[in-house]
Amino acid sequence: MRTKEYWRNWVRAAGIRAIKTVAQTAIGAIGASVAMGDVNWPLVASTAVLSGIVSLLTSVAGLPEVSVPEEV
């Protein structure tokens, strides 16, 4: 039971982190594109999605906000 709860918490925390990372990356890419004079939307989208994937993969190493269940 604890393992199921752990994974539910992990997926939620990793998802929140990934969504925040995607938003931050999109904002940065849009800002850089505007400074250059043209927003390349496919580039913004692909960069943001890639950052979300990298965030999820990084979360595999561990999330400090999700405690590991004790062995019974």
Protein backbone atom coordinates (compact mmCIF):
# COMPACT_ATOMS: atom_id res chain seq x y z
CA MET A 1 0.00 0.00 0.00
CA ARG A 2 2.77 2.41 0.83
CA THR A 3 4.46 1.73 -2.49
CA LYS A 4 1.31 2.62 -4.42
CA GLU A 5 0.98 5.85 -2.45
CA TYR A 6 4.67 6.64 -3.06
CA TRP A 7 4.29 6.29 -6.83
CA ARG A 8 1.10 8.35 -6.86
CA ASN A 9 2.93 11.13 -4.97
CA TRP A 10 5.99 10.78 -7.20
CA VAL A 11 3.98 11.06 -10.44
CA ARG A 12 2.14 14.10 -9.08
CA ALA A 13 5.33 15.87 -7.92
CA ALA A 14 7.28 15.01 -11.08
CA GLY A 15 4.36 16.15 -13.24
CA ILE A 16 4.11 19.48 -11.43
CA ARG A 17 7.86 20.02 -11.83
CA ALA A 18 7.70 19.13 -15.52
CA ILE A 19 4.78 21.48 -16.18
CA LYS A 20 6.60 24.33 -14.42
CA THR A 21 9.76 23.59 -16.43
CA VAL A 22 7.80 23.54 -19.71
CA ALA A 23 6.21 26.91 -18.89
CA GLN A 24 9.52 28.48 -17.88
CA THR A 25 11.24 27.22 -21.01
CA ALA A 26 8.44 28.46 -23.25
CA ILE A 27 8.58 31.90 -21.65
CA GLY A 28 12.35 32.02 -22.15
CA ALA A 29 12.15 30.84 -25.75
CA ILE A 30 9.37 33.30 -26.58
CA GLY A 31 11.33 36.13 -24.96
CA ALA A 32 14.48 35.26 -26.91
CA SER A 33 12.49 34.97 -30.15
CA VAL A 34 10.80 38.32 -29.64
CA ALA A 35 14.20 39.92 -29.05
CA MET A 36 15.33 38.52 -32.41
CA GLY A 37 12.17 39.81 -34.08
CA ASP A 38 10.19 36.65 -34.87
CA VAL A 39 8.62 33.93 -32.73
CA ASN A 40 9.18 30.50 -34.24
CA TRP A 41 6.27 28.64 -32.59
CA PRO A 42 7.33 25.12 -33.62
CA LEU A 43 10.75 25.79 -32.10
CA VAL A 44 9.20 27.15 -28.91
CA ALA A 45 6.91 24.11 -28.61
CA SER A 46 9.62 21.53 -29.31
CA THR A 47 12.04 23.20 -26.89
CA ALA A 48 9.39 23.32 -24.17
CA VAL A 49 8.37 19.68 -24.66
CA LEU A 50 11.99 18.54 -24.62
CA SER A 51 12.56 20.41 -21.37
CA GLY A 52 9.55 18.64 -19.86
CA ILE A 53 10.95 15.26 -20.86
CA VAL A 54 14.33 16.14 -19.39
CA SER A 55 12.61 17.26 -16.18
CA LEU A 56 10.81 13.93 -15.85
CA LEU A 57 14.02 12.00 -16.50
CA THR A 58 15.85 14.11 -13.92
CA SER A 59 13.09 13.37 -11.41
CA VAL A 60 13.93 9.67 -11.66
CA ALA A 61 17.05 10.45 -9.62
CA GLY A 62 14.77 11.45 -6.75
CA LEU A 63 12.45 14.15 -5.56
CA PRO A 64 13.14 15.69 -2.16
CA GLU A 65 9.46 16.43 -1.60
CA VAL A 66 8.50 12.74 -1.94
CA SER A 67 9.64 10.56 0.93
CA VAL A 68 10.63 6.97 0.21
CA PRO A 69 8.42 4.46 2.04
CA GLU A 70 10.02 2.51 4.85
CA GLU A 71 10.69 -1.18 4.29
CA VAL A 72 8.32 -3.30 6.34
